[in-house]
Amino acid sequence: MNTQETWLEVGLAEQRMRLFEDGRVAQAWPVSSAANGAGEQNGSGCTPRGWHVIRARIGAGQPANAVFVGRRPTGEILTPALYAAAPERDWILTRILWLSGLERGKNRLGEVDTMRRYIYIHGMPDHLPIDRPGSKGCIRMRNADLIALFDRVAAGTRVLIAEQDEASCR
């Protein structure tokens, strides 16, 4: 994997993620960003914008719907009964791509630090709506889509989160 030629773009307006390889869109998936909209402030519950990097890949080899708490698998697999016991929970499932901001003062350091806000790309219960905001700040994906993405990106892969799909228009 060449992280210089592989990168991701998340278009918040269209709730879509694109994987770029060698300057072209290789694949695209629907996503769900923050219900509170875009924003970088700590505690806002918003999805941070700008350039990021995948700081860590967590969960390789875990089954689809594996439940994570504190970036560690609990040993549980999400079932309808487990979901029904805590439907309000922001479920983090299957894999985690932990993001770190690259733009000092915008999404890195101080009160706008993406990594310290624990902003991830992660799996979600597949029965919940996709293509519309609904998370508490993270980028959520269908579990099968996340597994496919996880296998194609490395730590160090750059990620642009933008109001519009800025990079793909260039």
C-alpha atoms as a PDB file:
ATOM      1  CA  MET A   1       0.000   0.000   0.000  1.00  0.00           C
ATOM      2  CA  ASN A   2       1.402   3.371  -0.992  1.00  0.00           C
ATOM      3  CA  THR A   3      -0.100   5.959   1.354  1.00  0.00           C
ATOM      4  CA  GLN A   4       1.044   8.816  -0.909  1.00  0.00           C
ATOM      5  CA  GLU A   5      -1.127   7.629  -3.799  1.00  0.00           C
ATOM      6  CA  THR A   6      -3.993   6.320  -1.668  1.00  0.00           C
ATOM      7  CA  TRP A   7      -6.195   8.734   0.285  1.00  0.00           C
ATOM      8  CA  LEU A   8      -9.773   9.207   1.421  1.00  0.00           C
ATOM      9  CA  GLU A   9     -12.259  12.026   1.021  1.00  0.00           C
ATOM     10  CA  VAL A  10     -15.408  12.332   3.131  1.00  0.00           C
ATOM     11  CA  GLY A  11     -18.004  14.684   1.650  1.00  0.00           C
ATOM     12  CA  LEU A  12     -20.252  15.761   4.525  1.00  0.00           C
ATOM     13  CA  ALA A  13     -22.916  17.328   2.309  1.00  0.00           C
ATOM     14  CA  GLU A  14     -23.482  14.111   0.407  1.00  0.00           C
ATOM     15  CA  GLN A  15     -22.571  11.703   3.248  1.00  0.00           C
ATOM     16  CA  ARG A  16     -20.176   9.801   1.000  1.00  0.00           C
ATOM     17  CA  MET A  17     -16.604   8.562   1.320  1.00  0.00           C
ATOM     18  CA  ARG A  18     -14.356   8.095  -1.690  1.00  0.00           C
ATOM     19  CA  LEU A  19     -11.174   6.063  -1.834  1.00  0.00           C
ATOM     20  CA  PHE A  20      -8.649   7.551  -4.246  1.00  0.00           C
ATOM     21  CA  GLU A  21      -5.923   5.395  -5.723  1.00  0.00           C
ATOM     22  CA  ASP A  22      -3.472   6.820  -8.260  1.00  0.00           C
ATOM     23  CA  GLY A  23      -5.537  10.015  -8.569  1.00  0.00           C
ATOM     24  CA  ARG A  24      -8.807   8.274  -9.422  1.00  0.00           C
ATOM     25  CA  VAL A  25     -11.848   7.230  -7.404  1.00  0.00           C
ATOM     26  CA  ALA A  26     -11.353   3.504  -6.821  1.00  0.00           C
ATOM     27  CA  GLN A  27     -14.439   2.999  -4.657  1.00  0.00           C
ATOM     28  CA  ALA A  28     -17.107   4.983  -2.824  1.00  0.00           C
ATOM     29  CA  TRP A  29     -19.363   4.210   0.134  1.00  0.00           C
ATOM     30  CA  PRO A  30     -22.221   5.894   1.986  1.00  0.00           C
ATOM     31  CA  VAL A  31     -21.362   7.142   5.475  1.00  0.00           C
ATOM     32  CA  SER A  32     -23.007   8.808   8.451  1.00  0.00           C
ATOM     33  CA  SER A  33     -21.282  11.782  10.076  1.00  0.00           C
ATOM     34  CA  ALA A  34     -22.238  13.792  13.170  1.00  0.00           C
ATOM     35  CA  ALA A  35     -25.856  14.615  13.933  1.00  0.00           C
ATOM     36  CA  ASN A  36     -24.538  17.961  15.264  1.00  0.00           C
ATOM     37  CA  GLY A  37     -22.962  18.835  11.905  1.00  0.00           C
ATOM     38  CA  ALA A  38     -19.407  19.897  11.126  1.00  0.00           C
ATOM     39  CA  GLY A  39     -17.098  21.451  13.701  1.00  0.00           C
ATOM     40  CA  GLU A  40     -13.777  21.001  15.382  1.00  0.00           C
ATOM     41  CA  GLN A  41     -14.329  22.132  18.984  1.00  0.00           C
ATOM     42  CA  ASN A  42     -13.725  19.633  21.783  1.00  0.00           C
ATOM     43  CA  GLY A  43     -17.037  18.475  23.283  1.00  0.00           C
ATOM     44  CA  SER A  44     -19.103  19.699  20.311  1.00  0.00           C
ATOM     45  CA  GLY A  45     -20.181  16.277  19.061  1.00  0.00           C
ATOM     46  CA  CYS A  46     -19.395  17.552  15.552  1.00  0.00           C
ATOM     47  CA  THR A  47     -17.361  15.959  12.768  1.00  0.00           C
ATOM     48  CA  PRO A  48     -14.031  17.791  12.321  1.00  0.00           C
ATOM     49  CA  ARG A  49     -13.139  19.133   8.888  1.00  0.00           C
ATOM     50  CA  GLY A  50      -9.834  19.393   7.084  1.00  0.00           C
ATOM     51  CA  TRP A  51      -6.908  17.105   6.433  1.00  0.00           C
ATOM     52  CA  HIS A  52      -6.347  14.166   8.743  1.00  0.00           C
ATOM     53  CA  VAL A  53      -4.254  11.029   8.781  1.00  0.00           C
ATOM     54  CA  ILE A  54      -5.137   7.508   9.878  1.00  0.00           C
ATOM     55  CA  ARG A  55      -3.112   7.334  13.084  1.00  0.00           C
ATOM     56  CA  ALA A  56      -4.038   3.757  13.999  1.00  0.00           C
ATOM     57  CA  ARG A  57      -5.853   0.770  12.503  1.00  0.00           C
ATOM     58  CA  ILE A  58      -7.628  -1.210  15.218  1.00  0.00           C
ATOM     59  CA  GLY A  59      -9.518  -4.488  15.024  1.00  0.00           C
ATOM     60  CA  ALA A  60      -7.832  -6.452  12.229  1.00  0.00           C
ATOM     61  CA  GLY A  61      -9.211  -9.974  12.263  1.00  0.00           C
ATOM     62  CA  GLN A  62     -12.236  -9.170  14.423  1.00  0.00           C
ATOM     63  CA  PRO A  63     -15.569 -10.452  13.107  1.00  0.00           C
ATOM     64  CA  ALA A  64     -18.180  -8.124  11.651  1.00  0.00           C
ATOM     65  CA  ASN A  65     -20.260  -6.522  14.425  1.00  0.00           C
ATOM     66  CA  ALA A  66     -17.537  -7.021  17.061  1.00  0.00           C
ATOM     67  CA  VAL A  67     -18.223  -4.478  19.826  1.00  0.00           C
ATOM     68  CA  PHE A  68     -15.442  -2.060  20.868  1.00  0.00           C
ATOM     69  CA  VAL A  69     -15.214  -0.017  24.063  1.00  0.00           C
ATOM     70  CA  GLY A  70     -12.189   2.200  24.635  1.00  0.00           C
ATOM     71  CA  ARG A  71     -10.733   0.938  21.336  1.00  0.00           C
ATOM     72  CA  ARG A  72     -10.674  -2.638  22.626  1.00  0.00           C
ATOM     73  CA  PRO A  73     -12.929  -5.501  21.551  1.00  0.00           C
ATOM     74  CA  THR A  74     -15.247  -6.568  24.367  1.00  0.00           C
ATOM     75  CA  GLY A  75     -15.679 -10.105  23.022  1.00  0.00           C
ATOM     76  CA  GLU A  76     -19.333  -9.334  22.240  1.00  0.00           C
ATOM     77  CA  ILE A  77     -20.948  -9.446  18.816  1.00  0.00           C
ATOM     78  CA  LEU A  78     -23.829  -7.030  18.287  1.00  0.00           C
ATOM     79  CA  THR A  79     -27.140  -8.905  18.133  1.00  0.00           C
ATOM     80  CA  PRO A  80     -30.683  -7.533  18.033  1.00  0.00           C
ATOM     81  CA  ALA A  81     -31.054  -8.363  21.749  1.00  0.00           C
ATOM     82  CA  LEU A  82     -27.801  -6.580  22.684  1.00  0.00           C
ATOM     83  CA  TYR A  83     -28.839  -3.545  20.635  1.00  0.00           C
ATOM     84  CA  ALA A  84     -32.308  -3.526  22.240  1.00  0.00           C
ATOM     85  CA  ALA A  85     -30.680  -3.391  25.690  1.00  0.00           C
ATOM     86  CA  ALA A  86     -28.980  -0.049  24.821  1.00  0.00           C
ATOM     87  CA  PRO A  87     -30.443   1.467  21.629  1.00  0.00           C
ATOM     88  CA  GLU A  88     -29.212   4.983  22.540  1.00  0.00           C
ATOM     89  CA  ARG A  89     -25.578   3.849  22.661  1.00  0.00           C
ATOM     90  CA  ASP A  90     -23.205   5.065  19.944  1.00  0.00           C
ATOM     91  CA  TRP A  91     -22.079   1.575  18.933  1.00  0.00           C
ATOM     92  CA  ILE A  92     -18.487   1.253  17.697  1.00  0.00           C
ATOM     93  CA  LEU A  93     -18.281  -1.959  15.701  1.00  0.00           C
ATOM     94  CA  THR A  94     -16.048  -4.177  13.544  1.00  0.00           C
ATOM     95  CA  ARG A  95     -12.948  -1.966  12.976  1.00  0.00           C
ATOM     96  CA  ILE A  96     -11.609   1.445  13.973  1.00  0.00           C
ATOM     97  CA  LEU A  97      -9.556   3.845  11.873  1.00  0.00           C
ATOM     98  CA  TRP A  98      -8.448   6.454  14.433  1.00  0.00           C
ATOM     99  CA  LEU A  99      -7.943   9.881  12.886  1.00  0.00           C
ATOM    100  CA  SER A 100      -5.440  12.575  13.804  1.00  0.00           C
ATOM    101  CA  GLY A 101      -5.654  16.130  12.469  1.00  0.00           C
ATOM    102  CA  LEU A 102      -2.892  17.547  10.284  1.00  0.00           C
ATOM    103  CA  GLU A 103      -3.843  21.246  10.469  1.00  0.00           C
ATOM    104  CA  ARG A 104      -2.477  22.928  13.598  1.00  0.00           C
ATOM    105  CA  GLY A 105      -5.122  25.143  15.200  1.00  0.00           C
ATOM    106  CA  LYS A 106      -7.896  23.765  12.966  1.00  0.00           C
ATOM    107  CA  ASN A 107      -8.030  20.060  13.854  1.00  0.00           C
ATOM    108  CA  ARG A 108      -4.767  19.484  15.693  1.00  0.00           C
ATOM    109  CA  LEU A 109      -3.713  20.466  19.226  1.00  0.00           C
ATOM    110  CA  GLY A 110      -5.534  22.514  21.851  1.00  0.00           C
ATOM    111  CA  GLU A 111      -9.335  22.533  21.942  1.00  0.00           C
ATOM    112  CA  VAL A 112      -9.651  21.295  18.349  1.00  0.00           C
ATOM    113  CA  ASP A 113      -7.575  18.102  18.443  1.00  0.00           C
ATOM    114  CA  THR A 114      -9.240  15.340  16.408  1.00  0.00           C
ATOM    115  CA  MET A 115      -7.175  12.549  17.941  1.00  0.00           C
ATOM    116  CA  ARG A 116      -7.842  13.660  21.523  1.00  0.00           C
ATOM    117  CA  ARG A 117     -11.534  13.853  20.624  1.00  0.00           C
ATOM    118  CA  TYR A 118     -11.376  10.151  19.683  1.00  0.00           C
ATOM    119  CA  ILE A 119     -12.715  10.695  16.186  1.00  0.00           C
ATOM    120  CA  TYR A 120     -12.791   7.459  14.202  1.00  0.00           C
ATOM    121  CA  ILE A 121     -14.061   5.877  11.056  1.00  0.00           C
ATOM    122  CA  HIS A 122     -15.912   2.878  12.508  1.00  0.00           C
ATOM    123  CA  GLY A 123     -18.645   0.337  11.934  1.00  0.00           C
ATOM    124  CA  MET A 124     -22.245   0.870  12.987  1.00  0.00           C
ATOM    125  CA  PRO A 125     -25.367  -1.273  13.423  1.00  0.00           C
ATOM    126  CA  ASP A 126     -26.346  -2.153   9.877  1.00  0.00           C
ATOM    127  CA  HIS A 127     -30.062  -1.533  10.474  1.00  0.00           C
ATOM    128  CA  LEU A 128     -29.510   2.166  11.284  1.00  0.00           C
ATOM    129  CA  PRO A 129     -29.893   4.758   8.513  1.00  0.00           C
ATOM    130  CA  ILE A 130     -26.838   5.561   6.435  1.00  0.00           C
ATOM    131  CA  ASP A 131     -26.462   8.520   4.011  1.00  0.00           C
ATOM    132  CA  ARG A 132     -27.514  10.968   6.746  1.00  0.00           C
ATOM    133  CA  PRO A 133     -25.858  12.466   9.832  1.00  0.00           C
ATOM    134  CA  GLY A 134     -26.390  10.486  13.026  1.00  0.00           C
ATOM    135  CA  SER A 135     -23.099   9.944  14.889  1.00  0.00           C
ATOM    136  CA  LYS A 136     -21.607  11.772  17.869  1.00  0.00           C
ATOM    137  CA  GLY A 137     -18.713  13.088  15.770  1.00  0.00           C
ATOM    138  CA  CYS A 138     -17.227  10.046  14.056  1.00  0.00           C
ATOM    139  CA  ILE A 139     -17.654   8.801  10.505  1.00  0.00           C
ATOM    140  CA  ARG A 140     -19.779   5.644  10.606  1.00  0.00           C
ATOM    141  CA  MET A 141     -19.889   2.994   7.883  1.00  0.00           C
ATOM    142  CA  ARG A 142     -21.696  -0.241   7.161  1.00  0.00           C
ATOM    143  CA  ASN A 143     -19.632  -3.110   8.553  1.00  0.00           C
ATOM    144  CA  ALA A 144     -18.955  -4.886   5.238  1.00  0.00           C
ATOM    145  CA  ASP A 145     -17.910  -1.553   3.686  1.00  0.00           C
ATOM    146  CA  LEU A 146     -15.569  -0.824   6.589  1.00  0.00           C
ATOM    147  CA  ILE A 147     -13.920  -4.243   6.311  1.00  0.00           C
ATOM    148  CA  ALA A 148     -13.330  -3.631   2.580  1.00  0.00           C
ATOM    149  CA  LEU A 149     -11.889  -0.170   3.297  1.00  0.00           C
ATOM    150  CA  PHE A 150      -9.752  -1.354   6.229  1.00  0.00           C
ATOM    151  CA  ASP A 151      -8.009  -3.877   3.999  1.00  0.00           C
ATOM    152  CA  ARG A 152      -7.078  -1.138   1.485  1.00  0.00           C
ATOM    153  CA  VAL A 153      -5.666   1.598   3.729  1.00  0.00           C
ATOM    154  CA  ALA A 154      -2.621   1.798   5.965  1.00  0.00           C
ATOM    155  CA  ALA A 155      -1.730   3.886   8.984  1.00  0.00           C
ATOM    156  CA  GLY A 156      -0.508   7.157   7.490  1.00  0.00           C
ATOM    157  CA  THR A 157      -3.203   7.329   4.803  1.00  0.00           C
ATOM    158  CA  ARG A 158      -4.477  10.896   4.474  1.00  0.00           C
ATOM    159  CA  VAL A 159      -8.177  11.693   4.916  1.00  0.00           C
ATOM    160  CA  LEU A 160      -9.894  14.915   3.819  1.00  0.00           C
ATOM    161  CA  ILE A 161     -13.185  15.684   5.573  1.00  0.00           C
ATOM    162  CA  ALA A 162     -14.942  18.509   3.737  1.00  0.00           C
ATOM    163  CA  GLU A 163     -18.352  20.177   3.636  1.00  0.00           C
ATOM    164  CA  GLN A 164     -18.422  19.538  -0.111  1.00  0.00           C
ATOM    165  CA  ASP A 165     -16.546  16.900  -2.064  1.00  0.00           C
ATOM    166  CA  GLU A 166     -13.727  19.404  -2.673  1.00  0.00           C
ATOM    167  CA  ALA A 167     -10.866  17.180  -3.736  1.00  0.00           C
ATOM    168  CA  SER A 168     -12.766  15.044  -6.212  1.00  0.00           C
ATOM    169  CA  CYS A 169     -13.774  18.222  -8.085  1.00  0.00           C
ATOM    170  CA  ARG A 170     -10.151  19.128  -8.820  1.00  0.00           C
END
